[in-house]
């Protein structure tokens, strides 16, 4: 059974997620936003198979390059986020953060792709709205059948992502949320900020 660990980091208290297969000690990290040293410490002796980015905002990508280099792992992001990634240092400066190192994506993905990262297999759900390339990653635990959704800044506990940024696509957020509403209600949702929720809880509110 996979283990999922949250490390809250950075100025905006972003959730970085470590997904680990205890049987092999391999893991995938989603959205390492800041405090690379702390994330490397949290990685410990685990083998890093890949770094997945839900979108390109600075608070979700700031430690990706350093962590990936340390773990000799690849960085994955949606193809539509390249421009936003390049703008991440300027985005960070607006929050008083200088010298942000922009991660260079090794691989890009598209909606519906089965993303095989080491022994892990994530289904990409493209959810534009917060940003053009915002994406969620759906992971099924092969032992328990439990589904886990890493939703970035698209869906939070009792809230949704902001669509008032210049790079947002507000008219697409509704259809993106409808995609998530079709998932198994028992799916556990791991957002980019705040507490864990479920699809059932969000549908009931």
C-alpha atoms as a PDB file:
ATOM      1  CA  UNK A   1       0.000   0.000   0.000  1.00  0.00           C
ATOM      2  CA  UNK A   2       1.378   3.412  -0.949  1.00  0.00           C
ATOM      3  CA  UNK A   3       2.164   5.922   1.781  1.00  0.00           C
ATOM      4  CA  UNK A   4       1.448   9.604   1.175  1.00  0.00           C
ATOM      5  CA  UNK A   5       3.217  12.282   3.174  1.00  0.00           C
ATOM      6  CA  UNK A   6       2.665  16.035   3.161  1.00  0.00           C
ATOM      7  CA  UNK A   7       5.464  18.549   3.697  1.00  0.00           C
ATOM      8  CA  UNK A   8       4.142  22.106   4.012  1.00  0.00           C
ATOM      9  CA  UNK A   9       6.691  24.592   2.757  1.00  0.00           C
ATOM     10  CA  UNK A  10       7.304  28.172   1.694  1.00  0.00           C
ATOM     11  CA  UNK A  11       5.764  31.595   2.166  1.00  0.00           C
ATOM     12  CA  UNK A  12       2.322  30.453   0.946  1.00  0.00           C
ATOM     13  CA  UNK A  13       2.330  27.190   2.949  1.00  0.00           C
ATOM     14  CA  UNK A  14       2.135  25.009  -0.132  1.00  0.00           C
ATOM     15  CA  UNK A  15       1.619  21.250   0.153  1.00  0.00           C
ATOM     16  CA  UNK A  16       4.411  19.146  -1.290  1.00  0.00           C
ATOM     17  CA  UNK A  17       3.407  15.478  -1.555  1.00  0.00           C
ATOM     18  CA  UNK A  18       5.688  12.434  -1.224  1.00  0.00           C
ATOM     19  CA  UNK A  19       4.147   9.210  -2.558  1.00  0.00           C
ATOM     20  CA  UNK A  20       6.144   6.142  -1.566  1.00  0.00           C
ATOM     21  CA  UNK A  21       6.016   2.425  -2.281  1.00  0.00           C
ATOM     22  CA  UNK A  22       7.266   0.937   1.024  1.00  0.00           C
ATOM     23  CA  UNK A  23       8.042  -2.357  -0.669  1.00  0.00           C
ATOM     24  CA  UNK A  24      10.709  -0.774  -2.877  1.00  0.00           C
ATOM     25  CA  UNK A  25      11.450   2.536  -1.084  1.00  0.00           C
ATOM     26  CA  UNK A  26      10.866   4.362  -4.365  1.00  0.00           C
ATOM     27  CA  UNK A  27       8.882   7.597  -4.403  1.00  0.00           C
ATOM     28  CA  UNK A  28       7.464  10.399  -6.517  1.00  0.00           C
ATOM     29  CA  UNK A  29       7.283  14.008  -5.330  1.00  0.00           C
ATOM     30  CA  UNK A  30       4.517  16.363  -6.437  1.00  0.00           C
ATOM     31  CA  UNK A  31       4.924  20.158  -6.320  1.00  0.00           C
ATOM     32  CA  UNK A  32       8.163  20.775  -4.390  1.00  0.00           C
ATOM     33  CA  UNK A  33       7.616  24.489  -3.965  1.00  0.00           C
ATOM     34  CA  UNK A  34      10.335  25.771  -1.637  1.00  0.00           C
ATOM     35  CA  UNK A  35      12.857  24.873   1.058  1.00  0.00           C
ATOM     36  CA  UNK A  36      14.764  22.353  -1.058  1.00  0.00           C
ATOM     37  CA  UNK A  37      17.060  21.434   1.820  1.00  0.00           C
ATOM     38  CA  UNK A  38      14.126  20.424   4.000  1.00  0.00           C
ATOM     39  CA  UNK A  39      12.605  18.413   1.155  1.00  0.00           C
ATOM     40  CA  UNK A  40      15.900  16.624   0.527  1.00  0.00           C
ATOM     41  CA  UNK A  41      16.037  15.802   4.220  1.00  0.00           C
ATOM     42  CA  UNK A  42      12.464  14.494   4.042  1.00  0.00           C
ATOM     43  CA  UNK A  43      13.414  12.361   1.030  1.00  0.00           C
ATOM     44  CA  UNK A  44      16.027  10.615   3.135  1.00  0.00           C
ATOM     45  CA  UNK A  45      17.171   7.309   1.652  1.00  0.00           C
ATOM     46  CA  UNK A  46      14.194   6.919  -0.649  1.00  0.00           C
ATOM     47  CA  UNK A  47      14.819   6.595  -4.383  1.00  0.00           C
ATOM     48  CA  UNK A  48      13.256   9.505  -6.272  1.00  0.00           C
ATOM     49  CA  UNK A  49      11.609   8.326  -9.497  1.00  0.00           C
ATOM     50  CA  UNK A  50      10.274  11.694 -10.638  1.00  0.00           C
ATOM     51  CA  UNK A  51       9.047  15.190  -9.796  1.00  0.00           C
ATOM     52  CA  UNK A  52       5.534  16.061 -11.023  1.00  0.00           C
ATOM     53  CA  UNK A  53       4.271  19.648 -11.240  1.00  0.00           C
ATOM     54  CA  UNK A  54       0.556  20.425 -11.209  1.00  0.00           C
ATOM     55  CA  UNK A  55       1.235  23.912 -12.593  1.00  0.00           C
ATOM     56  CA  UNK A  56       3.926  26.549 -12.923  1.00  0.00           C
ATOM     57  CA  UNK A  57       3.352  29.038 -10.109  1.00  0.00           C
ATOM     58  CA  UNK A  58       6.480  29.788  -8.105  1.00  0.00           C
ATOM     59  CA  UNK A  59       5.164  28.338  -4.838  1.00  0.00           C
ATOM     60  CA  UNK A  60       4.762  24.925  -6.491  1.00  0.00           C
ATOM     61  CA  UNK A  61       8.021  24.736  -8.442  1.00  0.00           C
ATOM     62  CA  UNK A  62      10.705  26.605  -6.505  1.00  0.00           C
ATOM     63  CA  UNK A  63      12.531  23.519  -5.196  1.00  0.00           C
ATOM     64  CA  UNK A  64      11.874  21.228  -8.161  1.00  0.00           C
ATOM     65  CA  UNK A  65      15.179  21.674  -9.959  1.00  0.00           C
ATOM     66  CA  UNK A  66      17.346  21.206  -6.880  1.00  0.00           C
ATOM     67  CA  UNK A  67      15.378  18.205  -5.636  1.00  0.00           C
ATOM     68  CA  UNK A  68      15.343  16.543  -9.052  1.00  0.00           C
ATOM     69  CA  UNK A  69      19.073  17.103  -9.496  1.00  0.00           C
ATOM     70  CA  UNK A  70      19.759  15.644  -6.060  1.00  0.00           C
ATOM     71  CA  UNK A  71      17.677  12.552  -6.788  1.00  0.00           C
ATOM     72  CA  UNK A  72      18.746  12.216 -10.454  1.00  0.00           C
ATOM     73  CA  UNK A  73      15.063  12.356 -11.389  1.00  0.00           C
ATOM     74  CA  UNK A  74      13.067  13.863 -14.253  1.00  0.00           C
ATOM     75  CA  UNK A  75      10.685  16.834 -13.952  1.00  0.00           C
ATOM     76  CA  UNK A  76       7.227  16.517 -15.569  1.00  0.00           C
ATOM     77  CA  UNK A  77       4.775  19.330 -16.395  1.00  0.00           C
ATOM     78  CA  UNK A  78       1.886  19.922 -18.802  1.00  0.00           C
ATOM     79  CA  UNK A  79       2.963  21.220 -22.202  1.00  0.00           C
ATOM     80  CA  UNK A  80       0.868  24.389 -21.749  1.00  0.00           C
ATOM     81  CA  UNK A  81       2.836  25.520 -18.673  1.00  0.00           C
ATOM     82  CA  UNK A  82       6.195  26.240 -20.369  1.00  0.00           C
ATOM     83  CA  UNK A  83       5.577  29.978 -20.618  1.00  0.00           C
ATOM     84  CA  UNK A  84       4.342  30.235 -17.032  1.00  0.00           C
ATOM     85  CA  UNK A  85       7.362  28.294 -15.765  1.00  0.00           C
ATOM     86  CA  UNK A  86       9.669  30.752 -17.483  1.00  0.00           C
ATOM     87  CA  UNK A  87       7.830  33.585 -15.705  1.00  0.00           C
ATOM     88  CA  UNK A  88       8.084  31.945 -12.255  1.00  0.00           C
ATOM     89  CA  UNK A  89      11.100  34.035 -11.060  1.00  0.00           C
ATOM     90  CA  UNK A  90       9.203  37.258 -11.816  1.00  0.00           C
ATOM     91  CA  UNK A  91       6.137  35.806 -10.095  1.00  0.00           C
ATOM     92  CA  UNK A  92       8.306  35.082  -7.046  1.00  0.00           C
ATOM     93  CA  UNK A  93       9.751  38.619  -7.017  1.00  0.00           C
ATOM     94  CA  UNK A  94       6.243  39.994  -6.637  1.00  0.00           C
ATOM     95  CA  UNK A  95       6.152  38.135  -3.312  1.00  0.00           C
ATOM     96  CA  UNK A  96       9.606  39.369  -2.229  1.00  0.00           C
ATOM     97  CA  UNK A  97      11.466  36.203  -3.226  1.00  0.00           C
ATOM     98  CA  UNK A  98      14.650  36.729  -5.250  1.00  0.00           C
ATOM     99  CA  UNK A  99      16.748  34.259  -7.203  1.00  0.00           C
ATOM    100  CA  UNK A 100      14.156  31.557  -7.841  1.00  0.00           C
ATOM    101  CA  UNK A 101      15.662  28.745  -9.917  1.00  0.00           C
ATOM    102  CA  UNK A 102      13.323  27.809 -12.734  1.00  0.00           C
ATOM    103  CA  UNK A 103      12.897  24.051 -13.189  1.00  0.00           C
ATOM    104  CA  UNK A 104      13.580  22.832 -16.702  1.00  0.00           C
ATOM    105  CA  UNK A 105      10.955  20.197 -17.557  1.00  0.00           C
ATOM    106  CA  UNK A 106      12.405  16.987 -18.946  1.00  0.00           C
ATOM    107  CA  UNK A 107       9.052  15.622 -20.116  1.00  0.00           C
ATOM    108  CA  UNK A 108       5.668  17.152 -20.855  1.00  0.00           C
ATOM    109  CA  UNK A 109       2.281  15.441 -20.825  1.00  0.00           C
ATOM    110  CA  UNK A 110      -1.241  15.907 -22.146  1.00  0.00           C
ATOM    111  CA  UNK A 111      -4.772  15.271 -20.897  1.00  0.00           C
ATOM    112  CA  UNK A 112      -5.650  11.611 -20.403  1.00  0.00           C
ATOM    113  CA  UNK A 113      -2.079  10.390 -20.636  1.00  0.00           C
ATOM    114  CA  UNK A 114      -1.048   7.444 -18.491  1.00  0.00           C
ATOM    115  CA  UNK A 115       2.114   8.787 -16.934  1.00  0.00           C
ATOM    116  CA  UNK A 116       4.454   5.983 -15.891  1.00  0.00           C
ATOM    117  CA  UNK A 117       6.986   7.303 -13.400  1.00  0.00           C
ATOM    118  CA  UNK A 118       9.102   4.446 -12.177  1.00  0.00           C
ATOM    119  CA  UNK A 119       6.647   1.830 -10.932  1.00  0.00           C
ATOM    120  CA  UNK A 120       3.908   4.438 -10.358  1.00  0.00           C
ATOM    121  CA  UNK A 121       1.204   5.112 -12.946  1.00  0.00           C
ATOM    122  CA  UNK A 122      -0.667   8.427 -12.825  1.00  0.00           C
ATOM    123  CA  UNK A 123      -3.568   9.417 -15.047  1.00  0.00           C
ATOM    124  CA  UNK A 124      -3.274  13.036 -16.140  1.00  0.00           C
ATOM    125  CA  UNK A 125      -6.459  15.112 -15.865  1.00  0.00           C
ATOM    126  CA  UNK A 126      -5.949  18.477 -17.543  1.00  0.00           C
ATOM    127  CA  UNK A 127      -7.898  21.039 -15.508  1.00  0.00           C
ATOM    128  CA  UNK A 128      -7.310  24.517 -16.981  1.00  0.00           C
ATOM    129  CA  UNK A 129      -8.705  27.450 -15.074  1.00  0.00           C
ATOM    130  CA  UNK A 130      -6.185  28.434 -12.428  1.00  0.00           C
ATOM    131  CA  UNK A 131      -3.556  28.329 -15.187  1.00  0.00           C
ATOM    132  CA  UNK A 132      -3.719  27.097 -18.817  1.00  0.00           C
ATOM    133  CA  UNK A 133      -1.844  23.877 -18.088  1.00  0.00           C
ATOM    134  CA  UNK A 134      -3.077  23.145 -14.575  1.00  0.00           C
ATOM    135  CA  UNK A 135      -3.357  19.395 -14.176  1.00  0.00           C
ATOM    136  CA  UNK A 136      -4.391  16.863 -11.567  1.00  0.00           C
ATOM    137  CA  UNK A 137      -2.810  13.449 -11.120  1.00  0.00           C
ATOM    138  CA  UNK A 138      -4.974  10.424 -10.365  1.00  0.00           C
ATOM    139  CA  UNK A 139      -3.235   7.451  -8.760  1.00  0.00           C
ATOM    140  CA  UNK A 140      -4.809   4.086  -8.000  1.00  0.00           C
ATOM    141  CA  UNK A 141      -3.206   2.022  -5.260  1.00  0.00           C
ATOM    142  CA  UNK A 142      -2.777  -1.433  -6.853  1.00  0.00           C
ATOM    143  CA  UNK A 143      -3.069  -3.185  -3.488  1.00  0.00           C
ATOM    144  CA  UNK A 144      -6.194  -1.511  -2.080  1.00  0.00           C
ATOM    145  CA  UNK A 145      -7.841  -0.039  -5.183  1.00  0.00           C
ATOM    146  CA  UNK A 146      -8.096   3.317  -3.403  1.00  0.00           C
ATOM    147  CA  UNK A 147      -7.885   6.300  -5.744  1.00  0.00           C
ATOM    148  CA  UNK A 148      -5.828   9.358  -4.830  1.00  0.00           C
ATOM    149  CA  UNK A 149      -6.137  12.698  -6.635  1.00  0.00           C
ATOM    150  CA  UNK A 150      -3.385  15.320  -6.404  1.00  0.00           C
ATOM    151  CA  UNK A 151      -5.310  18.437  -7.374  1.00  0.00           C
ATOM    152  CA  UNK A 152      -2.795  21.288  -7.186  1.00  0.00           C
ATOM    153  CA  UNK A 153      -4.617  24.611  -7.049  1.00  0.00           C
ATOM    154  CA  UNK A 154      -7.702  23.423  -8.946  1.00  0.00           C
ATOM    155  CA  UNK A 155      -9.646  21.922  -6.036  1.00  0.00           C
ATOM    156  CA  UNK A 156      -9.217  22.532  -2.319  1.00  0.00           C
ATOM    157  CA  UNK A 157     -11.133  21.434   0.742  1.00  0.00           C
ATOM    158  CA  UNK A 158     -14.423  23.364   0.388  1.00  0.00           C
ATOM    159  CA  UNK A 159     -12.922  25.774  -2.135  1.00  0.00           C
ATOM    160  CA  UNK A 160     -11.577  26.025  -5.667  1.00  0.00           C
ATOM    161  CA  UNK A 161      -8.548  27.655  -7.227  1.00  0.00           C
ATOM    162  CA  UNK A 162      -8.365  31.351  -8.026  1.00  0.00           C
ATOM    163  CA  UNK A 163      -9.125  32.413 -11.583  1.00  0.00           C
ATOM    164  CA  UNK A 164      -8.376  36.143 -11.277  1.00  0.00           C
ATOM    165  CA  UNK A 165      -4.723  35.991 -12.372  1.00  0.00           C
ATOM    166  CA  UNK A 166      -3.636  37.223 -15.800  1.00  0.00           C
ATOM    167  CA  UNK A 167      -2.669  33.660 -16.694  1.00  0.00           C
ATOM    168  CA  UNK A 168      -5.974  32.190 -15.501  1.00  0.00           C
ATOM    169  CA  UNK A 169      -8.693  30.901 -17.826  1.00  0.00           C
ATOM    170  CA  UNK A 170     -11.825  31.439 -15.707  1.00  0.00           C
ATOM    171  CA  UNK A 171     -14.288  30.282 -18.360  1.00  0.00           C
ATOM    172  CA  UNK A 172     -12.689  26.813 -18.289  1.00  0.00           C
ATOM    173  CA  UNK A 173     -12.729  26.238 -14.524  1.00  0.00           C
ATOM    174  CA  UNK A 174     -16.311  24.961 -14.509  1.00  0.00           C
ATOM    175  CA  UNK A 175     -15.655  22.246 -17.072  1.00  0.00           C
ATOM    176  CA  UNK A 176     -12.459  21.271 -15.258  1.00  0.00           C
ATOM    177  CA  UNK A 177     -14.350  20.813 -12.007  1.00  0.00           C
ATOM    178  CA  UNK A 178     -16.966  18.753 -13.816  1.00  0.00           C
ATOM    179  CA  UNK A 179     -14.226  16.343 -14.851  1.00  0.00           C
ATOM    180  CA  UNK A 180     -13.291  15.857 -11.200  1.00  0.00           C
ATOM    181  CA  UNK A 181     -16.952  15.471 -10.208  1.00  0.00           C
ATOM    182  CA  UNK A 182     -17.112  12.326 -12.360  1.00  0.00           C
ATOM    183  CA  UNK A 183     -14.488  10.536 -10.281  1.00  0.00           C
ATOM    184  CA  UNK A 184     -15.290   7.854  -7.714  1.00  0.00           C
ATOM    185  CA  UNK A 185     -16.752   9.742  -4.717  1.00  0.00           C
ATOM    186  CA  UNK A 186     -14.392   7.826  -2.428  1.00  0.00           C
ATOM    187  CA  UNK A 187     -11.381   9.374  -4.160  1.00  0.00           C
ATOM    188  CA  UNK A 188      -9.141  11.137  -1.651  1.00  0.00           C
ATOM    189  CA  UNK A 189      -8.093  14.624  -2.748  1.00  0.00           C
ATOM    190  CA  UNK A 190      -4.667  16.036  -1.872  1.00  0.00           C
ATOM    191  CA  UNK A 191      -4.720  19.759  -2.716  1.00  0.00           C
ATOM    192  CA  UNK A 192      -1.917  22.248  -3.207  1.00  0.00           C
ATOM    193  CA  UNK A 193      -2.852  24.123  -0.014  1.00  0.00           C
ATOM    194  CA  UNK A 194      -4.854  23.209   3.064  1.00  0.00           C
ATOM    195  CA  UNK A 195      -6.308  19.926   4.323  1.00  0.00           C
ATOM    196  CA  UNK A 196      -7.121  16.705   2.529  1.00  0.00           C
ATOM    197  CA  UNK A 197     -10.697  16.124   1.378  1.00  0.00           C
ATOM    198  CA  UNK A 198     -12.664  13.664  -0.779  1.00  0.00           C
ATOM    199  CA  UNK A 199     -14.693  13.986  -3.949  1.00  0.00           C
ATOM    200  CA  UNK A 200     -17.793  12.969  -1.953  1.00  0.00           C
ATOM    201  CA  UNK A 201     -17.235  15.751   0.585  1.00  0.00           C
ATOM    202  CA  UNK A 202     -16.817  18.343  -2.162  1.00  0.00           C
ATOM    203  CA  UNK A 203     -19.926  17.180  -4.020  1.00  0.00           C
ATOM    204  CA  UNK A 204     -21.937  17.416  -0.790  1.00  0.00           C
ATOM    205  CA  UNK A 205     -21.094  21.004   0.024  1.00  0.00           C
END
